[in-house]
Amino acid sequence: MKFKTFEILISKIINFIRNLNLAFLISILYVGLGTFTVCSVYGSDTFYGEWTVFALLVTFPVSIISFGYRYAEPNSFLPVFIIQFIMFIITFLILSSLIKNKTLR
C-alpha cells in the first residue's frame, strides 16, 4: 500500500517537472525570437531583413515594450535585454500555470 502511494507521488513529481520543462522551452524560444527580432529591427543592424516585420507580428505580445524602447533609443541594447528577461519570466509563469491547470483536469 505504501509503495503504491510512493509511485503516485513520484509520478506527479515527474509530470510537474515535464510541464515546467515544456513551459521553459516554449518561453525561451518565443521570447528569444522576440529579442532577436527587436535587436534586428533597424537597417543598420546585422540581421536586418524583411523577416523582422513578420517576426514582430508573431511575437507582438512579448516584444512591444522592447520595440518601443528600441524605437526611442536605437543604440541601447541593455534595457532591451532587461525588458525581455522580465517578459520571459512573465511568459514562463503564465505558461507553467496554464499547462499545470490543463494536466490537472
N, C-alpha and C. Protein backbone atom coordinates (compact mmCIF):
# COMPACT_ATOMS: atom_id res chain seq x y z
N MET A 1 0.82 -1.19 0.00
CA MET A 1 0.00 0.00 0.00
C MET A 1 0.87 1.26 0.00
N LYS A 2 1.91 1.28 0.84
CA LYS A 2 2.79 2.45 0.92
C LYS A 2 3.58 2.61 -0.37
N PHE A 3 3.95 1.49 -1.00
CA PHE A 3 4.72 1.55 -2.23
C PHE A 3 3.90 2.17 -3.36
N LYS A 4 2.62 1.86 -3.42
CA LYS A 4 1.73 2.41 -4.44
C LYS A 4 1.60 3.93 -4.27
N THR A 5 1.49 4.40 -3.04
CA THR A 5 1.40 5.83 -2.77
C THR A 5 2.69 6.53 -3.18
N PHE A 6 3.82 5.89 -2.93
CA PHE A 6 5.11 6.45 -3.32
C PHE A 6 5.23 6.55 -4.84
N GLU A 7 4.74 5.54 -5.56
CA GLU A 7 4.77 5.57 -7.02
C GLU A 7 3.91 6.72 -7.56
N ILE A 8 2.76 6.93 -6.96
CA ILE A 8 1.88 8.02 -7.39
C ILE A 8 2.55 9.36 -7.15
N LEU A 9 3.21 9.51 -6.01
CA LEU A 9 3.90 10.75 -5.68
C LEU A 9 5.03 11.02 -6.67
N ILE A 10 5.83 10.00 -6.96
CA ILE A 10 6.92 10.15 -7.92
C ILE A 10 6.38 10.48 -9.31
N SER A 11 5.29 9.85 -9.69
CA SER A 11 4.67 10.13 -10.99
C SER A 11 4.21 11.58 -11.09
N LYS A 12 3.61 12.11 -10.03
CA LYS A 12 3.17 13.51 -10.02
C LYS A 12 4.35 14.46 -10.09
N ILE A 13 5.43 14.14 -9.40
CA ILE A 13 6.63 14.99 -9.43
C ILE A 13 7.23 15.01 -10.83
N ILE A 14 7.30 13.85 -11.48
CA ILE A 14 7.85 13.77 -12.83
C ILE A 14 6.99 14.55 -13.81
N ASN A 15 5.67 14.44 -13.71
CA ASN A 15 4.79 15.21 -14.59
C ASN A 15 4.94 16.71 -14.36
N PHE A 16 5.11 17.12 -13.12
CA PHE A 16 5.29 18.53 -12.80
C PHE A 16 6.58 19.06 -13.43
N ILE A 17 7.66 18.30 -13.35
CA ILE A 17 8.94 18.71 -13.93
C ILE A 17 8.84 18.75 -15.45
N ARG A 18 8.16 17.79 -16.07
CA ARG A 18 7.97 17.81 -17.52
C ARG A 18 7.20 19.05 -17.96
N ASN A 19 6.17 19.38 -17.19
CA ASN A 19 5.38 20.57 -17.53
C ASN A 19 6.22 21.83 -17.42
N LEU A 20 7.07 21.92 -16.40
CA LEU A 20 7.94 23.08 -16.27
C LEU A 20 8.95 23.14 -17.41
N ASN A 21 9.48 21.99 -17.81
CA ASN A 21 10.43 21.96 -18.92
C ASN A 21 9.77 22.41 -20.22
N LEU A 22 8.54 21.97 -20.45
CA LEU A 22 7.82 22.37 -21.65
C LEU A 22 7.55 23.88 -21.64
N ALA A 23 7.11 24.40 -20.51
CA ALA A 23 6.85 25.84 -20.40
C ALA A 23 8.15 26.62 -20.57
N PHE A 24 9.24 26.13 -20.02
CA PHE A 24 10.53 26.81 -20.15
C PHE A 24 10.98 26.83 -21.61
N LEU A 25 10.86 25.70 -22.29
CA LEU A 25 11.28 25.61 -23.69
C LEU A 25 10.46 26.54 -24.58
N ILE A 26 9.15 26.52 -24.42
CA ILE A 26 8.30 27.39 -25.23
C ILE A 26 8.61 28.86 -24.93
N SER A 27 8.78 29.19 -23.66
CA SER A 27 9.07 30.58 -23.28
C SER A 27 10.39 31.06 -23.83
N ILE A 28 11.42 30.23 -23.73
CA ILE A 28 12.75 30.66 -24.19
C ILE A 28 12.76 30.82 -25.71
N LEU A 29 12.07 29.96 -26.43
CA LEU A 29 12.04 30.09 -27.89
C LEU A 29 11.23 31.31 -28.33
N TYR A 30 10.08 31.51 -27.72
CA TYR A 30 9.20 32.61 -28.12
C TYR A 30 9.79 33.97 -27.76
N VAL A 31 10.23 34.11 -26.53
CA VAL A 31 10.82 35.39 -26.11
C VAL A 31 12.19 35.58 -26.76
N GLY A 32 12.92 34.51 -26.97
CA GLY A 32 14.21 34.62 -27.66
C GLY A 32 14.05 35.12 -29.08
N LEU A 33 13.03 34.61 -29.78
CA LEU A 33 12.76 35.11 -31.13
C LEU A 33 12.37 36.58 -31.09
N GLY A 34 11.58 36.97 -30.11
CA GLY A 34 11.21 38.38 -29.97
C GLY A 34 12.41 39.26 -29.69
N THR A 35 13.30 38.80 -28.84
CA THR A 35 14.51 39.57 -28.52
C THR A 35 15.40 39.71 -29.75
N PHE A 36 15.61 38.62 -30.45
CA PHE A 36 16.43 38.65 -31.66
C PHE A 36 15.82 39.59 -32.71
N THR A 37 14.51 39.57 -32.80
CA THR A 37 13.83 40.43 -33.77
C THR A 37 13.97 41.90 -33.41
N VAL A 38 13.77 42.22 -32.13
CA VAL A 38 13.89 43.62 -31.70
C VAL A 38 15.32 44.11 -31.91
N CYS A 39 16.29 43.24 -31.70
CA CYS A 39 17.69 43.64 -31.89
C CYS A 39 18.08 43.69 -33.37
N SER A 40 17.20 43.29 -34.27
CA SER A 40 17.48 43.30 -35.71
C SER A 40 16.54 44.19 -36.49
N VAL A 41 15.89 45.13 -35.84
CA VAL A 41 14.81 45.87 -36.47
C VAL A 41 15.28 47.07 -37.30
N TYR A 42 16.44 47.60 -37.01
CA TYR A 42 16.94 48.77 -37.75
C TYR A 42 17.77 48.33 -38.96
N GLY A 43 17.80 49.17 -39.97
CA GLY A 43 18.53 48.87 -41.20
C GLY A 43 20.02 48.70 -40.98
N SER A 44 20.56 49.33 -39.96
CA SER A 44 22.00 49.22 -39.68
C SER A 44 22.34 47.97 -38.86
N ASP A 45 21.33 47.24 -38.38
CA ASP A 45 21.59 46.03 -37.60
C ASP A 45 22.07 44.90 -38.51
N THR A 46 22.84 44.00 -37.93
CA THR A 46 23.47 42.93 -38.70
C THR A 46 22.46 42.01 -39.38
N PHE A 47 21.43 41.59 -38.68
CA PHE A 47 20.48 40.61 -39.22
C PHE A 47 19.19 41.24 -39.72
N TYR A 48 19.25 42.51 -40.08
CA TYR A 48 18.06 43.20 -40.58
C TYR A 48 17.58 42.57 -41.88
N GLY A 49 16.26 42.46 -42.00
CA GLY A 49 15.67 41.93 -43.23
C GLY A 49 14.16 42.08 -43.18
N GLU A 50 13.51 41.62 -44.24
CA GLU A 50 12.06 41.69 -44.30
C GLU A 50 11.40 40.77 -43.29
N TRP A 51 12.10 39.77 -42.82
CA TRP A 51 11.55 38.83 -41.86
C TRP A 51 11.22 39.48 -40.53
N THR A 52 11.85 40.62 -40.22
CA THR A 52 11.64 41.25 -38.91
C THR A 52 10.20 41.71 -38.72
N VAL A 53 9.55 42.15 -39.78
CA VAL A 53 8.16 42.58 -39.66
C VAL A 53 7.27 41.41 -39.27
N PHE A 54 7.45 40.28 -39.92
CA PHE A 54 6.64 39.11 -39.63
C PHE A 54 6.94 38.55 -38.24
N ALA A 55 8.20 38.53 -37.87
CA ALA A 55 8.57 38.04 -36.54
C ALA A 55 8.05 38.97 -35.45
N LEU A 56 8.05 40.27 -35.70
CA LEU A 56 7.48 41.21 -34.72
C LEU A 56 5.98 40.99 -34.56
N LEU A 57 5.30 40.69 -35.65
CA LEU A 57 3.86 40.42 -35.55
C LEU A 57 3.58 39.14 -34.77
N VAL A 58 4.41 38.12 -34.97
CA VAL A 58 4.22 36.85 -34.26
C VAL A 58 4.53 37.01 -32.77
N THR A 59 5.57 37.75 -32.45
CA THR A 59 5.99 37.91 -31.06
C THR A 59 5.51 39.22 -30.45
N PHE A 60 4.48 39.81 -31.02
CA PHE A 60 3.98 41.11 -30.58
C PHE A 60 3.73 41.21 -29.08
N PRO A 61 3.07 40.23 -28.43
CA PRO A 61 2.78 40.39 -27.00
C PRO A 61 4.03 40.52 -26.12
N VAL A 62 5.12 39.88 -26.50
CA VAL A 62 6.31 39.93 -25.64
C VAL A 62 7.36 40.91 -26.13
N SER A 63 7.16 41.51 -27.29
CA SER A 63 8.20 42.40 -27.81
C SER A 63 7.76 43.84 -28.01
N ILE A 64 6.53 44.17 -27.72
CA ILE A 64 6.04 45.52 -27.99
C ILE A 64 6.73 46.56 -27.11
N ILE A 65 6.96 46.27 -25.85
CA ILE A 65 7.61 47.24 -24.96
C ILE A 65 9.07 47.43 -25.37
N SER A 66 9.75 46.33 -25.67
CA SER A 66 11.14 46.42 -26.12
C SER A 66 11.25 47.15 -27.45
N PHE A 67 10.32 46.90 -28.33
CA PHE A 67 10.33 47.59 -29.62
C PHE A 67 10.13 49.09 -29.42
N GLY A 68 9.23 49.45 -28.54
CA GLY A 68 9.02 50.88 -28.25
C GLY A 68 10.26 51.53 -27.68
N TYR A 69 10.93 50.82 -26.77
CA TYR A 69 12.17 51.37 -26.21
C TYR A 69 13.25 51.47 -27.29
N ARG A 70 13.36 50.45 -28.10
CA ARG A 70 14.38 50.44 -29.15
C ARG A 70 14.10 51.51 -30.20
N TYR A 71 12.83 51.78 -30.44
CA TYR A 71 12.46 52.84 -31.38
C TYR A 71 12.89 54.21 -30.85
N ALA A 72 12.79 54.39 -29.52
CA ALA A 72 13.19 55.67 -28.91
C ALA A 72 14.70 55.78 -28.75
N GLU A 73 15.36 54.68 -28.41
CA GLU A 73 16.82 54.64 -28.19
C GLU A 73 17.43 53.53 -29.04
N PRO A 74 17.74 53.78 -30.29
CA PRO A 74 18.19 52.70 -31.18
C PRO A 74 19.57 52.13 -30.86
N ASN A 75 20.39 52.82 -30.10
CA ASN A 75 21.75 52.34 -29.84
C ASN A 75 21.92 51.65 -28.50
N SER A 76 20.87 51.51 -27.74
CA SER A 76 20.96 50.93 -26.40
C SER A 76 20.31 49.55 -26.38
N PHE A 77 21.13 48.52 -26.10
CA PHE A 77 20.63 47.15 -26.08
C PHE A 77 20.38 46.60 -24.69
N LEU A 78 21.10 47.06 -23.69
CA LEU A 78 20.96 46.51 -22.34
C LEU A 78 19.54 46.63 -21.81
N PRO A 79 18.88 47.77 -21.91
CA PRO A 79 17.49 47.84 -21.43
C PRO A 79 16.55 46.90 -22.20
N VAL A 80 16.84 46.67 -23.46
CA VAL A 80 16.03 45.74 -24.25
C VAL A 80 16.16 44.33 -23.66
N PHE A 81 17.37 43.93 -23.32
CA PHE A 81 17.58 42.61 -22.73
C PHE A 81 16.93 42.50 -21.35
N ILE A 82 16.96 43.56 -20.58
CA ILE A 82 16.33 43.54 -19.26
C ILE A 82 14.81 43.42 -19.41
N ILE A 83 14.23 44.20 -20.32
CA ILE A 83 12.79 44.13 -20.56
C ILE A 83 12.39 42.74 -21.05
N GLN A 84 13.17 42.18 -21.95
CA GLN A 84 12.85 40.86 -22.48
C GLN A 84 13.02 39.77 -21.42
N PHE A 85 13.97 39.93 -20.51
CA PHE A 85 14.11 38.96 -19.42
C PHE A 85 12.87 38.99 -18.53
N ILE A 86 12.38 40.17 -18.23
CA ILE A 86 11.15 40.29 -17.43
C ILE A 86 9.98 39.65 -18.18
N MET A 87 9.91 39.87 -19.48
CA MET A 87 8.85 39.26 -20.29
C MET A 87 8.99 37.74 -20.32
N PHE A 88 10.23 37.25 -20.30
CA PHE A 88 10.45 35.80 -20.25
C PHE A 88 9.90 35.22 -18.95
N ILE A 89 10.18 35.87 -17.83
CA ILE A 89 9.69 35.39 -16.54
C ILE A 89 8.16 35.37 -16.53
N ILE A 90 7.54 36.44 -17.00
CA ILE A 90 6.08 36.52 -17.03
C ILE A 90 5.50 35.44 -17.94
N THR A 91 6.08 35.26 -19.11
CA THR A 91 5.61 34.24 -20.05
C THR A 91 5.76 32.85 -19.47
N PHE A 92 6.89 32.59 -18.82
CA PHE A 92 7.13 31.28 -18.21
C PHE A 92 6.11 30.99 -17.12
N LEU A 93 5.83 31.96 -16.27
CA LEU A 93 4.87 31.76 -15.18
C LEU A 93 3.46 31.52 -15.73
N ILE A 94 3.08 32.27 -16.74
CA ILE A 94 1.75 32.09 -17.32
C ILE A 94 1.63 30.72 -17.99
N LEU A 95 2.63 30.36 -18.78
CA LEU A 95 2.59 29.06 -19.46
C LEU A 95 2.63 27.89 -18.48
N SER A 96 3.45 27.98 -17.46
CA SER A 96 3.52 26.88 -16.50
C SER A 96 2.21 26.72 -15.75
N SER A 97 1.53 27.82 -15.43
CA SER A 97 0.24 27.69 -14.75
C SER A 97 -0.82 27.15 -15.70
N LEU A 98 -0.79 27.55 -16.98
CA LEU A 98 -1.75 27.02 -17.94
C LEU A 98 -1.54 25.54 -18.19
N ILE A 99 -0.30 25.13 -18.32
CA ILE A 99 -0.01 23.71 -18.55
C ILE A 99 -0.37 22.89 -17.31
N LYS A 100 -0.08 23.43 -16.14
CA LYS A 100 -0.40 22.72 -14.89
C LYS A 100 -1.91 22.55 -14.76
N ASN A 101 -2.68 23.59 -15.04
CA ASN A 101 -4.14 23.50 -14.95
C ASN A 101 -4.70 22.54 -15.97
N LYS A 102 -4.11 22.48 -17.15
CA LYS A 102 -4.59 21.58 -18.19
C LYS A 102 -4.35 20.12 -17.81
N THR A 103 -3.21 19.83 -17.18
CA THR A 103 -2.90 18.44 -16.82
C THR A 103 -3.66 17.99 -15.58
N LEU A 104 -4.12 18.91 -14.76
CA LEU A 104 -4.87 18.53 -13.56
C LEU A 104 -6.29 18.11 -13.90
N ARG A 105 -6.81 18.53 -15.04
CA ARG A 105 -8.19 18.20 -15.41
C ARG A 105 -8.33 16.80 -15.90
